[in-house]
Amino acid sequence: MRVATLQASACLAAGSVLAVASSAQGVGADPGGEPHRTVILSNEEFEHWYGPAASKGEDGAIMSQEQFDRAADRQRVAYSNALATEPTGQAQALRASDWSTVKFKAKDLNGKTIPTRVGNSALGWRHFSKTHNITNANVIKLITEGSHTPKADPGRPHRLVYDGVLSTTSGPLDGPPKVLARIRIIAQYHWQTEKADYVLKNKHDKIGVITAYCRNVAKNRCPDKVNK
């Protein structure tokens, strides 16, 4: 499959979108028809184009032809909601070492910069890339950069939750998009984790992404198509 990164529209004021053009027999494609495409975007982007009902996963979302055409042209499609899981911690406090090395960063639409650190088996890139099969940095970047207001976690003031989706889109006559995967990113916007298991030397820095995963699948492990 051919991977193309598209510029976000001015209307959405979002980041770039990862688009995957599949073959006629690819994911979500109709044999003999125009190939479907898959895109990753934040819930806010999805609701902007398809409304809250579609974001909640209701079948047969109703929209005007003009709305669908605009969304299809920009290949902005999506999903919503996911259920957070508790990140695995370690019993002892660890000083900043290789786990804290920043692998990449993403800035949400509210200006918060969220780093993804190399991490280990408990948090960060090494955790979610192995445990939850998210191995493409663009998955994290697209969802974070397309979100304006991450969800708060009651009782956890430094916890940020970003939701996103992998969805199909095709021509305007193919109807509403099909959600292929629901993705959630959990970030710690503080210089230490909740139990102080992990602490950064610079108190102006943020731990960043604790975990990322797919909902409603075995072991919250994402399908391979999320990374393509």
Protein backbone atom coordinates (compact mmCIF):
# COMPACT_ATOMS: atom_id res chain seq x y z
CA MET A 1 0.00 0.00 0.00
CA ARG A 2 1.10 3.54 -0.74
CA VAL A 3 1.41 5.88 2.24
CA ALA A 4 0.85 9.59 1.79
CA THR A 5 0.84 12.33 4.41
CA LEU A 6 -1.70 15.01 3.61
CA GLN A 7 -1.79 18.61 4.77
CA ALA A 8 -4.65 19.36 7.17
CA SER A 9 -7.28 21.79 5.99
CA ALA A 10 -7.44 25.37 7.24
CA CYS A 11 -10.99 24.66 8.41
CA LEU A 12 -9.74 22.02 10.83
CA ALA A 13 -6.57 23.89 11.78
CA ALA A 14 -5.12 20.49 12.54
CA GLY A 15 -1.94 18.56 11.89
CA SER A 16 -1.20 16.28 8.97
CA VAL A 17 -3.19 13.14 8.28
CA LEU A 18 -1.81 9.75 7.47
CA ALA A 19 -3.63 8.34 4.44
CA VAL A 20 -3.22 4.82 3.15
CA ALA A 21 -4.38 3.95 -0.36
CA SER A 22 -5.24 0.27 -0.52
CA SER A 23 -5.63 -2.02 -3.50
CA ALA A 24 -9.09 -3.03 -4.72
CA GLN A 25 -8.89 -6.11 -2.50
CA GLY A 26 -7.41 -4.16 0.39
CA VAL A 27 -8.98 -3.27 3.70
CA GLY A 28 -12.48 -1.92 3.25
CA ALA A 29 -12.29 -2.02 -0.55
CA ASP A 30 -15.00 -3.27 -2.87
CA PRO A 31 -13.74 -5.65 -5.58
CA GLY A 32 -13.84 -3.84 -8.91
CA GLY A 33 -14.64 -0.51 -7.28
CA GLU A 34 -12.62 2.56 -6.39
CA PRO A 35 -10.06 1.77 -3.66
CA HIS A 36 -10.96 2.91 -0.16
CA ARG A 37 -8.53 4.90 1.91
CA THR A 38 -7.78 4.78 5.61
CA VAL A 39 -6.99 7.79 7.74
CA ILE A 40 -6.06 8.52 11.34
CA LEU A 41 -7.44 11.63 13.03
CA SER A 42 -8.59 12.91 16.38
CA ASN A 43 -12.14 12.63 17.68
CA GLU A 44 -12.55 16.40 17.45
CA GLU A 45 -11.78 16.34 13.73
CA PHE A 46 -14.23 13.50 13.20
CA GLU A 47 -17.05 15.24 15.05
CA HIS A 48 -16.38 18.42 13.08
CA TRP A 49 -17.21 16.64 9.84
CA TYR A 50 -19.66 13.91 10.85
CA GLY A 51 -21.22 15.13 14.09
CA PRO A 52 -21.33 13.67 17.62
CA ALA A 53 -23.58 10.76 16.64
CA ALA A 54 -21.04 9.40 14.18
CA SER A 55 -18.26 9.91 16.70
CA LYS A 56 -20.09 7.73 19.20
CA GLY A 57 -20.06 4.90 16.71
CA GLU A 58 -23.74 4.93 15.75
CA ASP A 59 -24.47 3.26 12.42
CA GLY A 60 -25.99 5.13 9.51
CA ALA A 61 -24.91 8.65 10.44
CA ILE A 62 -26.88 11.22 8.42
CA MET A 63 -25.11 14.19 6.80
CA SER A 64 -25.55 16.41 3.80
CA GLN A 65 -23.86 15.52 0.51
CA GLU A 66 -21.88 18.74 0.84
CA GLN A 67 -20.57 17.69 4.25
CA PHE A 68 -19.54 14.29 2.98
CA ASP A 69 -17.86 15.70 -0.12
CA ARG A 70 -15.81 18.13 1.91
CA ALA A 71 -14.73 15.39 4.27
CA ALA A 72 -13.92 12.93 1.49
CA ASP A 73 -11.92 15.54 -0.42
CA ARG A 74 -9.75 16.14 2.59
CA GLN A 75 -9.74 12.46 3.53
CA ARG A 76 -10.69 13.36 7.08
CA VAL A 77 -12.59 10.56 8.71
CA ALA A 78 -12.65 8.99 12.12
CA TYR A 79 -13.83 7.78 15.43
CA SER A 80 -14.17 8.55 19.08
CA ASN A 81 -14.14 7.23 22.63
CA ALA A 82 -11.87 4.67 24.17
CA LEU A 83 -11.31 3.30 27.59
CA ALA A 84 -8.17 4.14 29.52
CA THR A 85 -6.11 1.44 31.15
CA GLU A 86 -3.79 1.88 34.04
CA PRO A 87 -0.13 2.09 33.01
CA THR A 88 2.11 -0.50 34.58
CA GLY A 89 4.47 1.01 37.17
CA GLN A 90 7.66 -0.15 38.81
CA ALA A 91 8.07 -0.55 42.54
CA GLN A 92 11.23 1.48 42.86
CA ALA A 93 11.98 5.01 41.77
CA LEU A 94 14.22 5.19 38.74
CA ARG A 95 16.54 8.05 37.99
CA ALA A 96 16.52 9.66 34.56
CA SER A 97 18.49 7.42 32.23
CA ASP A 98 17.94 5.97 28.78
CA TRP A 99 14.19 5.57 29.42
CA SER A 100 13.84 9.35 29.49
CA THR A 101 15.40 9.98 26.07
CA VAL A 102 12.86 11.79 23.89
CA LYS A 103 12.07 9.85 20.72
CA PHE A 104 9.75 12.51 19.23
CA LYS A 105 7.32 15.26 20.24
CA ALA A 106 3.82 16.35 19.21
CA LYS A 107 1.96 19.57 20.03
CA ASP A 108 -1.80 19.58 20.45
CA LEU A 109 -3.98 22.42 19.18
CA ASN A 110 -4.00 23.99 22.64
CA GLY A 111 -0.22 24.37 22.57
CA LYS A 112 0.72 21.51 24.91
CA THR A 113 3.88 19.72 23.76
CA ILE A 114 3.67 15.99 24.50
CA PRO A 115 6.93 14.04 24.26
CA THR A 116 7.13 10.33 23.60
CA ARG A 117 10.17 8.94 25.38
CA VAL A 118 12.10 5.78 24.60
CA GLY A 119 10.72 4.36 27.82
CA ASN A 120 10.87 0.71 28.87
CA SER A 121 8.48 -2.20 29.46
CA ALA A 122 6.35 -0.01 31.76
CA LEU A 123 5.87 3.19 29.78
CA GLY A 124 6.72 5.10 26.63
CA TRP A 125 7.63 3.86 23.16
CA ARG A 126 9.14 0.53 24.20
CA HIS A 127 6.02 -0.27 26.19
CA PHE A 128 3.23 0.51 23.72
CA SER A 129 5.09 -0.41 20.54
CA LYS A 130 5.67 -3.94 21.83
CA THR A 131 2.63 -4.51 24.04
CA HIS A 132 0.02 -2.66 21.97
CA ASN A 133 1.58 -2.87 18.48
CA ILE A 134 1.69 0.86 17.70
CA THR A 135 4.99 1.12 15.83
CA ASN A 136 4.41 4.18 13.64
CA ALA A 137 5.17 7.53 15.32
CA ASN A 138 2.64 9.23 13.03
CA VAL A 139 -0.20 7.49 14.89
CA ILE A 140 0.71 9.41 18.05
CA LYS A 141 1.48 12.63 16.21
CA LEU A 142 -1.70 12.76 14.13
CA ILE A 143 -4.05 12.15 17.03
CA THR A 144 -2.27 14.57 19.37
CA GLU A 145 -1.85 17.32 16.78
CA GLY A 146 -5.49 17.01 15.74
CA SER A 147 -6.82 17.44 19.30
CA HIS A 148 -7.63 20.77 20.91
CA THR A 149 -8.97 19.65 24.28
CA PRO A 150 -7.73 16.33 25.67
CA LYS A 151 -9.97 14.61 28.18
CA ALA A 152 -9.23 15.08 31.85
CA ASP A 153 -9.01 12.12 34.19
CA PRO A 154 -10.96 12.91 37.41
CA GLY A 155 -8.71 12.85 40.44
CA ARG A 156 -5.58 12.83 38.29
CA PRO A 157 -4.77 16.46 37.52
CA HIS A 158 -1.69 15.77 35.41
CA ARG A 159 -3.25 13.07 33.23
CA LEU A 160 -4.23 13.85 29.61
CA VAL A 161 -6.25 11.52 27.39
CA TYR A 162 -6.23 11.84 23.58
CA ASP A 163 -8.66 9.79 21.50
CA GLY A 164 -8.39 8.98 17.82
CA VAL A 165 -9.46 6.54 15.15
CA LEU A 166 -8.38 4.65 12.07
CA SER A 167 -11.21 4.79 9.55
CA THR A 168 -11.94 4.10 5.90
CA THR A 169 -13.12 6.70 3.43
CA SER A 170 -13.82 6.53 -0.27
CA GLY A 171 -16.04 8.25 -2.80
CA PRO A 172 -19.11 10.28 -1.84
CA LEU A 173 -21.46 7.47 -2.89
CA ASP A 174 -19.99 4.90 -0.52
CA GLY A 175 -21.79 6.14 2.56
CA PRO A 176 -20.45 6.81 6.06
CA PRO A 177 -16.90 5.73 6.90
CA LYS A 178 -16.14 2.46 8.63
CA VAL A 179 -14.17 2.54 11.88
CA LEU A 180 -11.31 0.05 11.78
CA ALA A 181 -9.68 0.79 15.12
CA ARG A 182 -10.27 3.01 18.13
CA ILE A 183 -7.08 4.43 19.60
CA ARG A 184 -6.36 6.10 22.95
CA ILE A 185 -3.22 7.88 24.11
CA ILE A 186 -2.52 8.43 27.81
CA ALA A 187 -0.01 11.15 28.72
CA GLN A 188 1.43 12.43 32.00
CA TYR A 189 1.80 16.22 31.79
CA HIS A 190 4.17 16.49 34.73
CA TRP A 191 7.84 15.97 35.56
CA GLN A 192 7.16 12.75 37.47
CA THR A 193 4.71 9.87 37.35
CA GLU A 194 1.89 9.63 39.88
CA LYS A 195 3.78 7.35 42.26
CA ALA A 196 7.12 9.05 41.58
CA ASP A 197 8.41 5.81 40.05
CA TYR A 198 9.87 7.89 37.23
CA VAL A 199 11.31 11.34 37.83
CA LEU A 200 12.85 13.85 35.44
CA LYS A 201 15.71 16.06 36.59
CA ASN A 202 14.27 19.18 34.98
CA LYS A 203 10.95 20.01 36.63
CA HIS A 204 9.88 21.98 33.57
CA ASP A 205 9.91 18.81 31.46
CA LYS A 206 6.97 16.43 31.01
CA ILE A 207 6.95 12.64 31.22
CA GLY A 208 4.67 12.57 28.16
CA VAL A 209 3.09 9.47 26.64
CA ILE A 210 2.66 6.68 29.16
CA THR A 211 0.83 4.31 26.83
CA ALA A 212 -1.19 4.11 23.62
CA TYR A 213 -3.48 1.25 22.64
CA CYS A 214 -6.58 0.10 20.78
CA ARG A 215 -9.91 -0.49 22.49
CA ASN A 216 -12.15 -3.55 22.28
CA VAL A 217 -9.43 -5.87 21.02
CA ALA A 218 -7.58 -8.65 22.80
CA LYS A 219 -4.95 -7.25 25.17
CA ASN A 220 -5.64 -3.79 23.70
CA ARG A 221 -3.28 -4.77 20.87
CA CYS A 222 -3.79 -2.76 17.69
CA PRO A 223 -4.13 -4.42 14.27
CA ASP A 224 -1.20 -4.04 11.89
CA LYS A 225 -3.22 -1.76 9.59
CA VAL A 226 -2.94 1.05 12.18
CA ASN A 227 0.76 1.40 11.35
CA LYS A 228 0.46 1.47 7.55
